[in-house]
Amino acid sequence: MKRIIQMCVFLLSSVCFISQAQSPSNQPTSKTSTDTEVLRAVDRFYDAFLAGDIETVKGMTADDYLQTDVNGRVQNKVAWLAEYYVPIVEQMKAGQFRWEVFERRDIQVALQ
């Protein structure tokens, strides 16, 4: 249960840390287009996360990422991957862990 709560906190906060895709041209993109790009990146991140794709999760997580768990423990990207995500992936591959409930809804994009 503790891991599920930690994962919920992570998932809610992770949207803020996913790298923003840049427009290939110098023309500003519309809000709708940018929203779509961000939501696609979020989907790609979550799909990789749930599939145990360590390299994609690592590549899509900002280098200055900080994770604060429900106990107030702060981990940087390297520590979070090594101490949290990689062990979960290993448990998934060994059949010792699986996601029972995972729902994303009402995601809103707010760019500054």
PDB file of N, CA and C in Angstrom:
ATOM      1  N   MET A   1       0.825  -1.192   0.000  1.00  0.00           N
ATOM      2  CA  MET A   1       0.000   0.000   0.000  1.00  0.00           C
ATOM      3  C   MET A   1       0.867   1.253   0.000  1.00  0.00           C
ATOM      4  N   LYS A   2       1.964   1.216   0.761  1.00  0.00           N
ATOM      5  CA  LYS A   2       2.860   2.373   0.831  1.00  0.00           C
ATOM      6  C   LYS A   2       3.409   2.698  -0.558  1.00  0.00           C
ATOM      7  N   ARG A   3       3.756   1.658  -1.319  1.00  0.00           N
ATOM      8  CA  ARG A   3       4.281   1.890  -2.667  1.00  0.00           C
ATOM      9  C   ARG A   3       3.222   2.487  -3.579  1.00  0.00           C
ATOM     10  N   ILE A   4       2.004   2.070  -3.419  1.00  0.00           N
ATOM     11  CA  ILE A   4       0.930   2.613  -4.250  1.00  0.00           C
ATOM     12  C   ILE A   4       0.753   4.097  -3.956  1.00  0.00           C
ATOM     13  N   ILE A   5       0.783   4.475  -2.691  1.00  0.00           N
ATOM     14  CA  ILE A   5       0.649   5.884  -2.325  1.00  0.00           C
ATOM     15  C   ILE A   5       1.824   6.684  -2.876  1.00  0.00           C
ATOM     16  N   GLN A   6       3.039   6.141  -2.744  1.00  0.00           N
ATOM     17  CA  GLN A   6       4.210   6.827  -3.268  1.00  0.00           C
ATOM     18  C   GLN A   6       4.097   6.990  -4.780  1.00  0.00           C
ATOM     19  N   MET A   7       3.608   5.957  -5.454  1.00  0.00           N
ATOM     20  CA  MET A   7       3.473   6.023  -6.898  1.00  0.00           C
ATOM     21  C   MET A   7       2.445   7.086  -7.295  1.00  0.00           C
ATOM     22  N   CYS A   8       1.352   7.175  -6.558  1.00  0.00           N
ATOM     23  CA  CYS A   8       0.350   8.196  -6.861  1.00  0.00           C
ATOM     24  C   CYS A   8       0.950   9.595  -6.729  1.00  0.00           C
ATOM     25  N   VAL A   9       1.719   9.808  -5.675  1.00  0.00           N
ATOM     26  CA  VAL A   9       2.368  11.104  -5.490  1.00  0.00           C
ATOM     27  C   VAL A   9       3.325  11.366  -6.642  1.00  0.00           C
ATOM     28  N   PHE A  10       4.081  10.349  -7.027  1.00  0.00           N
ATOM     29  CA  PHE A  10       5.010  10.509  -8.142  1.00  0.00           C
ATOM     30  C   PHE A  10       4.273  10.849  -9.432  1.00  0.00           C
ATOM     31  N   LEU A  11       3.240  10.102  -9.729  1.00  0.00           N
ATOM     32  CA  LEU A  11       2.536  10.301 -10.993  1.00  0.00           C
ATOM     33  C   LEU A  11       1.885  11.663 -11.069  1.00  0.00           C
ATOM     34  N   LEU A  12       1.365  12.127  -9.957  1.00  0.00           N
ATOM     35  CA  LEU A  12       0.756  13.451  -9.962  1.00  0.00           C
ATOM     36  C   LEU A  12       1.798  14.540 -10.168  1.00  0.00           C
ATOM     37  N   SER A  13       2.987  14.325  -9.625  1.00  0.00           N
ATOM     38  CA  SER A  13       4.017  15.349  -9.750  1.00  0.00           C
ATOM     39  C   SER A  13       4.852  15.214 -11.010  1.00  0.00           C
ATOM     40  N   SER A  14       4.859  14.043 -11.623  1.00  0.00           N
ATOM     41  CA  SER A  14       5.756  13.813 -12.750  1.00  0.00           C
ATOM     42  C   SER A  14       5.425  14.631 -13.973  1.00  0.00           C
ATOM     43  N   VAL A  15       4.172  14.989 -14.151  1.00  0.00           N
ATOM     44  CA  VAL A  15       3.795  15.781 -15.316  1.00  0.00           C
ATOM     45  C   VAL A  15       4.605  17.072 -15.367  1.00  0.00           C
ATOM     46  N   CYS A  16       4.936  17.609 -14.224  1.00  0.00           N
ATOM     47  CA  CYS A  16       5.686  18.865 -14.166  1.00  0.00           C
ATOM     48  C   CYS A  16       7.124  18.696 -14.629  1.00  0.00           C
ATOM     49  N   PHE A  17       7.619  17.478 -14.649  1.00  0.00           N
ATOM     50  CA  PHE A  17       9.035  17.270 -14.902  1.00  0.00           C
ATOM     51  C   PHE A  17       9.346  16.674 -16.260  1.00  0.00           C
ATOM     52  N   ILE A  18       8.336  16.352 -17.029  1.00  0.00           N
ATOM     53  CA  ILE A  18       8.576  15.773 -18.340  1.00  0.00           C
ATOM     54  C   ILE A  18       9.070  16.866 -19.270  1.00  0.00           C
ATOM     55  N   SER A  19      10.102  16.559 -20.008  1.00  0.00           N
ATOM     56  CA  SER A  19      10.663  17.556 -20.916  1.00  0.00           C
ATOM     57  C   SER A  19       9.617  18.005 -21.918  1.00  0.00           C
ATOM     58  N   GLN A  20       9.587  19.305 -22.140  1.00  0.00           N
ATOM     59  CA  GLN A  20       8.635  19.876 -23.092  1.00  0.00           C
ATOM     60  C   GLN A  20       9.205  19.776 -24.499  1.00  0.00           C
ATOM     61  N   ALA A  21       8.404  19.264 -25.425  1.00  0.00           N
ATOM     62  CA  ALA A  21       8.834  19.180 -26.823  1.00  0.00           C
ATOM     63  C   ALA A  21       8.893  20.581 -27.416  1.00  0.00           C
ATOM     64  N   GLN A  22       9.894  20.832 -28.263  1.00  0.00           N
ATOM     65  CA  GLN A  22      10.035  22.140 -28.887  1.00  0.00           C
ATOM     66  C   GLN A  22       9.533  22.074 -30.318  1.00  0.00           C
ATOM     67  N   SER A  23       8.997  23.168 -30.784  1.00  0.00           N
ATOM     68  CA  SER A  23       8.506  23.271 -32.154  1.00  0.00           C
ATOM     69  C   SER A  23       9.689  23.261 -33.110  1.00  0.00           C
ATOM     70  N   PRO A  24       9.598  22.515 -34.238  1.00  0.00           N
ATOM     71  CA  PRO A  24      10.719  22.473 -35.167  1.00  0.00           C
ATOM     72  C   PRO A  24      10.934  23.783 -35.919  1.00  0.00           C
ATOM     73  N   SER A  25       9.958  24.652 -35.920  1.00  0.00           N
ATOM     74  CA  SER A  25      10.113  25.931 -36.602  1.00  0.00           C
ATOM     75  C   SER A  25      10.192  27.056 -35.587  1.00  0.00           C
ATOM     76  N   ASN A  26      10.467  28.245 -36.053  1.00  0.00           N
ATOM     77  CA  ASN A  26      10.514  29.403 -35.174  1.00  0.00           C
ATOM     78  C   ASN A  26       9.135  29.992 -34.937  1.00  0.00           C
ATOM     79  N   GLN A  27       8.136  29.465 -35.612  1.00  0.00           N
ATOM     80  CA  GLN A  27       6.778  29.952 -35.452  1.00  0.00           C
ATOM     81  C   GLN A  27       6.207  29.439 -34.133  1.00  0.00           C
ATOM     82  N   PRO A  28       5.550  30.293 -33.361  1.00  0.00           N
ATOM     83  CA  PRO A  28       4.925  29.812 -32.134  1.00  0.00           C
ATOM     84  C   PRO A  28       3.792  28.857 -32.472  1.00  0.00           C
ATOM     85  N   THR A  29       3.651  27.822 -31.670  1.00  0.00           N
ATOM     86  CA  THR A  29       2.576  26.866 -31.910  1.00  0.00           C
ATOM     87  C   THR A  29       1.335  27.317 -31.156  1.00  0.00           C
ATOM     88  N   SER A  30       0.206  26.850 -31.613  1.00  0.00           N
ATOM     89  CA  SER A  30      -1.034  27.202 -30.929  1.00  0.00           C
ATOM     90  C   SER A  30      -1.110  26.452 -29.608  1.00  0.00           C
ATOM     91  N   LYS A  31      -1.907  26.960 -28.703  1.00  0.00           N
ATOM     92  CA  LYS A  31      -2.082  26.311 -27.408  1.00  0.00           C
ATOM     93  C   LYS A  31      -2.580  24.891 -27.595  1.00  0.00           C
ATOM     94  N   THR A  32      -3.486  24.698 -28.518  1.00  0.00           N
ATOM     95  CA  THR A  32      -4.033  23.370 -28.768  1.00  0.00           C
ATOM     96  C   THR A  32      -2.944  22.414 -29.238  1.00  0.00           C
ATOM     97  N   SER A  33      -2.099  22.869 -30.150  1.00  0.00           N
ATOM     98  CA  SER A  33      -1.015  22.040 -30.652  1.00  0.00           C
ATOM     99  C   SER A  33      -0.015  21.709 -29.544  1.00  0.00           C
ATOM    100  N   THR A  34       0.307  22.689 -28.747  1.00  0.00           N
ATOM    101  CA  THR A  34       1.239  22.473 -27.639  1.00  0.00           C
ATOM    102  C   THR A  34       0.638  21.530 -26.612  1.00  0.00           C
ATOM    103  N   ASP A  35      -0.629  21.736 -26.277  1.00  0.00           N
ATOM    104  CA  ASP A  35      -1.308  20.833 -25.343  1.00  0.00           C
ATOM    105  C   ASP A  35      -1.235  19.391 -25.841  1.00  0.00           C
ATOM    106  N   THR A  36      -1.496  19.216 -27.126  1.00  0.00           N
ATOM    107  CA  THR A  36      -1.468  17.877 -27.715  1.00  0.00           C
ATOM    108  C   THR A  36      -0.077  17.263 -27.608  1.00  0.00           C
ATOM    109  N   GLU A  37       0.948  18.047 -27.892  1.00  0.00           N
ATOM    110  CA  GLU A  37       2.322  17.546 -27.787  1.00  0.00           C
ATOM    111  C   GLU A  37       2.649  17.127 -26.359  1.00  0.00           C
ATOM    112  N   VAL A  38       2.276  17.959 -25.410  1.00  0.00           N
ATOM    113  CA  VAL A  38       2.558  17.655 -24.002  1.00  0.00           C
ATOM    114  C   VAL A  38       1.800  16.397 -23.576  1.00  0.00           C
ATOM    115  N   LEU A  39       0.543  16.300 -23.927  1.00  0.00           N
ATOM    116  CA  LEU A  39      -0.248  15.126 -23.550  1.00  0.00           C
ATOM    117  C   LEU A  39       0.288  13.856 -24.205  1.00  0.00           C
ATOM    118  N   ARG A  40       0.770  13.964 -25.426  1.00  0.00           N
ATOM    119  CA  ARG A  40       1.403  12.797 -26.072  1.00  0.00           C
ATOM    120  C   ARG A  40       2.661  12.386 -25.324  1.00  0.00           C
ATOM    121  N   ALA A  41       3.453  13.371 -24.892  1.00  0.00           N
ATOM    122  CA  ALA A  41       4.660  13.068 -24.121  1.00  0.00           C
ATOM    123  C   ALA A  41       4.304  12.413 -22.792  1.00  0.00           C
ATOM    124  N   VAL A  42       3.240  12.906 -22.156  1.00  0.00           N
ATOM    125  CA  VAL A  42       2.782  12.310 -20.890  1.00  0.00           C
ATOM    126  C   VAL A  42       2.370  10.866 -21.134  1.00  0.00           C
ATOM    127  N   ASP A  43       1.608  10.625 -22.196  1.00  0.00           N
ATOM    128  CA  ASP A  43       1.197   9.253 -22.525  1.00  0.00           C
ATOM    129  C   ASP A  43       2.404   8.360 -22.772  1.00  0.00           C
ATOM    130  N   ARG A  44       3.377   8.876 -23.531  1.00  0.00           N
ATOM    131  CA  ARG A  44       4.582   8.094 -23.816  1.00  0.00           C
ATOM    132  C   ARG A  44       5.336   7.767 -22.526  1.00  0.00           C
ATOM    133  N   PHE A  45       5.432   8.757 -21.630  1.00  0.00           N
ATOM    134  CA  PHE A  45       6.116   8.533 -20.359  1.00  0.00           C
ATOM    135  C   PHE A  45       5.397   7.463 -19.535  1.00  0.00           C
ATOM    136  N   TYR A  46       4.078   7.611 -19.380  1.00  0.00           N
ATOM    137  CA  TYR A  46       3.324   6.642 -18.573  1.00  0.00           C
ATOM    138  C   TYR A  46       3.352   5.255 -19.179  1.00  0.00           C
ATOM    139  N   ASP A  47       3.242   5.154 -20.500  1.00  0.00           N
ATOM    140  CA  ASP A  47       3.310   3.837 -21.144  1.00  0.00           C
ATOM    141  C   ASP A  47       4.657   3.183 -20.864  1.00  0.00           C
ATOM    142  N   ALA A  48       5.732   3.957 -20.992  1.00  0.00           N
ATOM    143  CA  ALA A  48       7.069   3.432 -20.712  1.00  0.00           C
ATOM    144  C   ALA A  48       7.201   3.061 -19.235  1.00  0.00           C
ATOM    145  N   PHE A  49       6.675   3.918 -18.375  1.00  0.00           N
ATOM    146  CA  PHE A  49       6.753   3.681 -16.933  1.00  0.00           C
ATOM    147  C   PHE A  49       6.086   2.357 -16.570  1.00  0.00           C
ATOM    148  N   LEU A  50       4.881   2.153 -17.056  1.00  0.00           N
ATOM    149  CA  LEU A  50       4.123   0.943 -16.732  1.00  0.00           C
ATOM    150  C   LEU A  50       4.711  -0.302 -17.379  1.00  0.00           C
ATOM    151  N   ALA A  51       5.396  -0.125 -18.516  1.00  0.00           N
ATOM    152  CA  ALA A  51       6.001  -1.253 -19.212  1.00  0.00           C
ATOM    153  C   ALA A  51       7.381  -1.612 -18.656  1.00  0.00           C
ATOM    154  N   GLY A  52       7.903  -0.795 -17.759  1.00  0.00           N
ATOM    155  CA  GLY A  52       9.227  -1.056 -17.206  1.00  0.00           C
ATOM    156  C   GLY A  52      10.349  -0.673 -18.153  1.00  0.00           C
ATOM    157  N   ASP A  53      10.101   0.290 -19.024  1.00  0.00           N
ATOM    158  CA  ASP A  53      11.096   0.758 -19.983  1.00  0.00           C
ATOM    159  C   ASP A  53      11.995   1.795 -19.304  1.00  0.00           C
ATOM    160  N   ILE A  54      13.019   1.310 -18.639  1.00  0.00           N
ATOM    161  CA  ILE A  54      13.898   2.155 -17.832  1.00  0.00           C
ATOM    162  C   ILE A  54      14.556   3.250 -18.657  1.00  0.00           C
ATOM    163  N   GLU A  55      15.040   2.921 -19.840  1.00  0.00           N
ATOM    164  CA  GLU A  55      15.755   3.919 -20.651  1.00  0.00           C
ATOM    165  C   GLU A  55      14.855   5.067 -21.078  1.00  0.00           C
ATOM    166  N   THR A  56      13.605   4.770 -21.465  1.00  0.00           N
ATOM    167  CA  THR A  56      12.693   5.844 -21.855  1.00  0.00           C
ATOM    168  C   THR A  56      12.322   6.693 -20.651  1.00  0.00           C
ATOM    169  N   VAL A  57      12.031   6.062 -19.522  1.00  0.00           N
ATOM    170  CA  VAL A  57      11.701   6.807 -18.309  1.00  0.00           C
ATOM    171  C   VAL A  57      12.889   7.684 -17.910  1.00  0.00           C
ATOM    172  N   LYS A  58      14.065   7.122 -17.955  1.00  0.00           N
ATOM    173  CA  LYS A  58      15.277   7.886 -17.620  1.00  0.00           C
ATOM    174  C   LYS A  58      15.462   9.060 -18.571  1.00  0.00           C
ATOM    175  N   GLY A  59      15.280   8.827 -19.858  1.00  0.00           N
ATOM    176  CA  GLY A  59      15.467   9.869 -20.852  1.00  0.00           C
ATOM    177  C   GLY A  59      14.419  10.970 -20.787  1.00  0.00           C
ATOM    178  N   MET A  60      13.212  10.639 -20.339  1.00  0.00           N
ATOM    179  CA  MET A  60      12.132  11.623 -20.288  1.00  0.00           C
ATOM    180  C   MET A  60      12.032  12.323 -18.936  1.00  0.00           C
ATOM    181  N   THR A  61      12.843  11.920 -17.987  1.00  0.00           N
ATOM    182  CA  THR A  61      12.842  12.552 -16.674  1.00  0.00           C
ATOM    183  C   THR A  61      13.949  13.602 -16.644  1.00  0.00           C
ATOM    184  N   ALA A  62      13.602  14.792 -16.254  1.00  0.00           N
ATOM    185  CA  ALA A  62      14.564  15.895 -16.231  1.00  0.00           C
ATOM    186  C   ALA A  62      15.740  15.564 -15.317  1.00  0.00           C
ATOM    187  N   ASP A  63      16.924  16.035 -15.699  1.00  0.00           N
ATOM    188  CA  ASP A  63      18.125  15.779 -14.905  1.00  0.00           C
ATOM    189  C   ASP A  63      18.029  16.386 -13.512  1.00  0.00           C
ATOM    190  N   ASP A  64      17.288  17.488 -13.370  1.00  0.00           N
ATOM    191  CA  ASP A  64      17.155  18.122 -12.049  1.00  0.00           C
ATOM    192  C   ASP A  64      15.882  17.677 -11.318  1.00  0.00           C
ATOM    193  N   TYR A  65      15.332  16.545 -11.739  1.00  0.00           N
ATOM    194  CA  TYR A  65      14.126  15.988 -11.113  1.00  0.00           C
ATOM    195  C   TYR A  65      14.352  15.731  -9.627  1.00  0.00           C
ATOM    196  N   LEU A  66      13.381  16.097  -8.818  1.00  0.00           N
ATOM    197  CA  LEU A  66      13.387  15.785  -7.387  1.00  0.00           C
ATOM    198  C   LEU A  66      12.061  15.138  -7.036  1.00  0.00           C
ATOM    199  N   GLN A  67      12.136  14.031  -6.323  1.00  0.00           N
ATOM    200  CA  GLN A  67      10.948  13.298  -5.883  1.00  0.00           C
ATOM    201  C   GLN A  67      10.862  13.408  -4.364  1.00  0.00           C
ATOM    202  N   THR A  68       9.734  13.862  -3.878  1.00  0.00           N
ATOM    203  CA  THR A  68       9.488  13.881  -2.442  1.00  0.00           C
ATOM    204  C   THR A  68       8.387  12.877  -2.161  1.00  0.00           C
ATOM    205  N   ASP A  69       8.689  11.854  -1.360  1.00  0.00           N
ATOM    206  CA  ASP A  69       7.674  10.840  -1.104  1.00  0.00           C
ATOM    207  C   ASP A  69       6.767  11.257   0.047  1.00  0.00           C
ATOM    208  N   VAL A  70       5.820  10.394   0.373  1.00  0.00           N
ATOM    209  CA  VAL A  70       4.829  10.727   1.401  1.00  0.00           C
ATOM    210  C   VAL A  70       5.441  10.873   2.787  1.00  0.00           C
ATOM    211  N   ASN A  71       6.649  10.388   2.963  1.00  0.00           N
ATOM    212  CA  ASN A  71       7.333  10.516   4.251  1.00  0.00           C
ATOM    213  C   ASN A  71       8.270  11.729   4.289  1.00  0.00           C
ATOM    214  N   GLY A  72       8.291  12.512   3.217  1.00  0.00           N
ATOM    215  CA  GLY A  72       9.134  13.697   3.168  1.00  0.00           C
ATOM    216  C   GLY A  72      10.551  13.435   2.690  1.00  0.00           C
ATOM    217  N   ARG A  73      10.842  12.224   2.283  1.00  0.00           N
ATOM    218  CA  ARG A  73      12.175  11.877   1.788  1.00  0.00           C
ATOM    219  C   ARG A  73      12.336  12.411   0.368  1.00  0.00           C
ATOM    220  N   VAL A  74      13.431  13.130   0.118  1.00  0.00           N
ATOM    221  CA  VAL A  74      13.689  13.721  -1.188  1.00  0.00           C
ATOM    222  C   VAL A  74      14.772  12.910  -1.897  1.00  0.00           C
ATOM    223  N   GLN A  75      14.489  12.574  -3.157  1.00  0.00           N
ATOM    224  CA  GLN A  75      15.462  11.853  -3.975  1.00  0.00           C
ATOM    225  C   GLN A  75      15.646  12.616  -5.281  1.00  0.00           C
ATOM    226  N   ASN A  76      16.895  12.663  -5.762  1.00  0.00           N
ATOM    227  CA  ASN A  76      17.124  13.225  -7.091  1.00  0.00           C
ATOM    228  C   ASN A  76      16.862  12.131  -8.118  1.00  0.00           C
ATOM    229  N   LYS A  77      17.019  12.464  -9.380  1.00  0.00           N
ATOM    230  CA  LYS A  77      16.721  11.518 -10.460  1.00  0.00           C
ATOM    231  C   LYS A  77      17.502  10.217 -10.309  1.00  0.00           C
ATOM    232  N   VAL A  78      18.798  10.318 -10.103  1.00  0.00           N
ATOM    233  CA  VAL A  78      19.646   9.126 -10.009  1.00  0.00           C
ATOM    234  C   VAL A  78      19.211   8.242  -8.842  1.00  0.00           C
ATOM    235  N   ALA A  79      18.989   8.835  -7.683  1.00  0.00           N
ATOM    236  CA  ALA A  79      18.574   8.065  -6.506  1.00  0.00           C
ATOM    237  C   ALA A  79      17.183   7.462  -6.716  1.00  0.00           C
ATOM    238  N   TRP A  80      16.254   8.249  -7.271  1.00  0.00           N
ATOM    239  CA  TRP A  80      14.903   7.746  -7.489  1.00  0.00           C
ATOM    240  C   TRP A  80      14.901   6.544  -8.427  1.00  0.00           C
ATOM    241  N   LEU A  81      15.663   6.647  -9.515  1.00  0.00           N
ATOM    242  CA  LEU A  81      15.748   5.517 -10.447  1.00  0.00           C
ATOM    243  C   LEU A  81      16.339   4.286  -9.747  1.00  0.00           C
ATOM    244  N   ALA A  82      17.459   4.478  -9.067  1.00  0.00           N
ATOM    245  CA  ALA A  82      18.167   3.345  -8.448  1.00  0.00           C
ATOM    246  C   ALA A  82      17.424   2.737  -7.265  1.00  0.00           C
ATOM    247  N   GLU A  83      16.807   3.581  -6.462  1.00  0.00           N
ATOM    248  CA  GLU A  83      16.199   3.097  -5.218  1.00  0.00           C
ATOM    249  C   GLU A  83      14.708   2.808  -5.324  1.00  0.00           C
ATOM    250  N   TYR A  84      14.067   3.334  -6.355  1.00  0.00           N
ATOM    251  CA  TYR A  84      12.626   3.152  -6.447  1.00  0.00           C
ATOM    252  C   TYR A  84      12.197   2.493  -7.758  1.00  0.00           C
ATOM    253  N   TYR A  85      12.451   3.152  -8.876  1.00  0.00           N
ATOM    254  CA  TYR A  85      11.894   2.658 -10.126  1.00  0.00           C
ATOM    255  C   TYR A  85      12.538   1.359 -10.602  1.00  0.00           C
ATOM    256  N   VAL A  86      13.857   1.287 -10.643  1.00  0.00           N
ATOM    257  CA  VAL A  86      14.527   0.070 -11.120  1.00  0.00           C
ATOM    258  C   VAL A  86      14.133  -1.146 -10.270  1.00  0.00           C
ATOM    259  N   PRO A  87      14.082  -1.053  -8.929  1.00  0.00           N
ATOM    260  CA  PRO A  87      13.626  -2.206  -8.149  1.00  0.00           C
ATOM    261  C   PRO A  87      12.187  -2.634  -8.494  1.00  0.00           C
ATOM    262  N   ILE A  88      11.308  -1.674  -8.781  1.00  0.00           N
ATOM    263  CA  ILE A  88       9.946  -2.035  -9.171  1.00  0.00           C
ATOM    264  C   ILE A  88       9.960  -2.778 -10.502  1.00  0.00           C
ATOM    265  N   VAL A  89      10.764  -2.293 -11.450  1.00  0.00           N
ATOM    266  CA  VAL A  89      10.861  -2.960 -12.751  1.00  0.00           C
ATOM    267  C   VAL A  89      11.374  -4.387 -12.574  1.00  0.00           C
ATOM    268  N   GLU A  90      12.377  -4.560 -11.732  1.00  0.00           N
ATOM    269  CA  GLU A  90      12.909  -5.906 -11.478  1.00  0.00           C
ATOM    270  C   GLU A  90      11.838  -6.808 -10.877  1.00  0.00           C
ATOM    271  N   GLN A  91      11.034  -6.270  -9.962  1.00  0.00           N
ATOM    272  CA  GLN A  91       9.932  -7.043  -9.384  1.00  0.00           C
ATOM    273  C   GLN A  91       8.872  -7.363 -10.436  1.00  0.00           C
ATOM    274  N   MET A  92       8.591  -6.426 -11.340  1.00  0.00           N
ATOM    275  CA  MET A  92       7.630  -6.666 -12.411  1.00  0.00           C
ATOM    276  C   MET A  92       8.108  -7.811 -13.298  1.00  0.00           C
ATOM    277  N   LYS A  93       9.376  -7.767 -13.682  1.00  0.00           N
ATOM    278  CA  LYS A  93       9.933  -8.794 -14.563  1.00  0.00           C
ATOM    279  C   LYS A  93       9.975 -10.164 -13.891  1.00  0.00           C
ATOM    280  N   ALA A  94      10.103 -10.186 -12.574  1.00  0.00           N
ATOM    281  CA  ALA A  94      10.122 -11.442 -11.828  1.00  0.00           C
ATOM    282  C   ALA A  94       8.713 -11.926 -11.482  1.00  0.00           C
ATOM    283  N   GLY A  95       7.705 -11.155 -11.872  1.00  0.00           N
ATOM    284  CA  GLY A  95       6.324 -11.541 -11.569  1.00  0.00           C
ATOM    285  C   GLY A  95       5.921 -11.301 -10.126  1.00  0.00           C
ATOM    286  N   GLN A  96       6.669 -10.461  -9.418  1.00  0.00           N
ATOM    287  CA  GLN A  96       6.392 -10.195  -8.011  1.00  0.00           C
ATOM    288  C   GLN A  96       5.622  -8.899  -7.794  1.00  0.00           C
ATOM    289  N   PHE A  97       5.420  -8.146  -8.848  1.00  0.00           N
ATOM    290  CA  PHE A  97       4.727  -6.867  -8.732  1.00  0.00           C
ATOM    291  C   PHE A  97       3.956  -6.615 -10.012  1.00  0.00           C
ATOM    292  N   ARG A  98       2.750  -6.096  -9.867  1.00  0.00           N
ATOM    293  CA  ARG A  98       1.990  -5.674 -11.035  1.00  0.00           C
ATOM    294  C   ARG A  98       1.080  -4.535 -10.613  1.00  0.00           C
ATOM    295  N   TRP A  99       0.766  -3.690 -11.580  1.00  0.00           N
ATOM    296  CA  TRP A  99      -0.122  -2.571 -11.320  1.00  0.00           C
ATOM    297  C   TRP A  99      -1.554  -3.082 -11.341  1.00  0.00           C
ATOM    298  N   GLU A 100      -2.297  -2.826 -10.288  1.00  0.00           N
ATOM    299  CA  GLU A 100      -3.697  -3.240 -10.251  1.00  0.00           C
ATOM    300  C   GLU A 100      -4.625  -2.116 -10.661  1.00  0.00           C
ATOM    301  N   VAL A 101      -4.326  -0.908 -10.250  1.00  0.00           N
ATOM    302  CA  VAL A 101      -5.152   0.245 -10.588  1.00  0.00           C
ATOM    303  C   VAL A 101      -4.226   1.357 -11.050  1.00  0.00           C
ATOM    304  N   PHE A 102      -4.521   1.860 -12.214  1.00  0.00           N
ATOM    305  CA  PHE A 102      -3.741   2.980 -12.724  1.00  0.00           C
ATOM    306  C   PHE A 102      -4.666   3.761 -13.625  1.00  0.00           C
ATOM    307  N   GLU A 103      -5.022   4.945 -13.203  1.00  0.00           N
ATOM    308  CA  GLU A 103      -5.977   5.740 -13.962  1.00  0.00           C
ATOM    309  C   GLU A 103      -5.480   7.166 -14.084  1.00  0.00           C
ATOM    310  N   ARG A 104      -5.539   7.681 -15.296  1.00  0.00           N
ATOM    311  CA  ARG A 104      -5.222   9.078 -15.546  1.00  0.00           C
ATOM    312  C   ARG A 104      -6.469   9.726 -16.111  1.00  0.00           C
ATOM    313  N   ARG A 105      -6.831  10.860 -15.554  1.00  0.00           N
ATOM    314  CA  ARG A 105      -7.985  11.567 -16.097  1.00  0.00           C
ATOM    315  C   ARG A 105      -7.907  13.037 -15.730  1.00  0.00           C
ATOM    316  N   ASP A 106      -8.619  13.817 -16.476  1.00  0.00           N
ATOM    317  CA  ASP A 106      -8.699  15.254 -16.234  1.00  0.00           C
ATOM    318  C   ASP A 106      -7.318  15.915 -16.197  1.00  0.00           C
ATOM    319  N   ILE A 107      -6.443  15.520 -17.092  1.00  0.00           N
ATOM    320  CA  ILE A 107      -5.120  16.129 -17.161  1.00  0.00           C
ATOM    321  C   ILE A 107      -5.238  17.456 -17.905  1.00  0.00           C
ATOM    322  N   GLN A 108      -4.693  18.490 -17.302  1.00  0.00           N
ATOM    323  CA  GLN A 108      -4.712  19.814 -17.922  1.00  0.00           C
ATOM    324  C   GLN A 108      -3.272  20.284 -18.100  1.00  0.00           C
ATOM    325  N   VAL A 109      -3.024  20.963 -19.189  1.00  0.00           N
ATOM    326  CA  VAL A 109      -1.691  21.460 -19.498  1.00  0.00           C
ATOM    327  C   VAL A 109      -1.652  22.954 -19.161  1.00  0.00           C
ATOM    328  N   ALA A 110      -0.643  23.354 -18.418  1.00  0.00           N
ATOM    329  CA  ALA A 110      -0.457  24.768 -18.080  1.00  0.00           C
ATOM    330  C   ALA A 110       1.016  25.104 -18.317  1.00  0.00           C
ATOM    331  N   LEU A 111       1.285  25.820 -19.385  1.00  0.00           N
ATOM    332  CA  LEU A 111       2.666  26.198 -19.725  1.00  0.00           C
ATOM    333  C   LEU A 111       2.916  27.626 -19.273  1.00  0.00           C
ATOM    334  N   GLN A 112       4.128  27.861 -18.806  1.00  0.00           N
ATOM    335  CA  GLN A 112       4.489  29.203 -18.354  1.00  0.00           C
ATOM    336  C   GLN A 112       5.581  29.767 -19.216  1.00  0.00           C
TER     337      GLN A 112
END
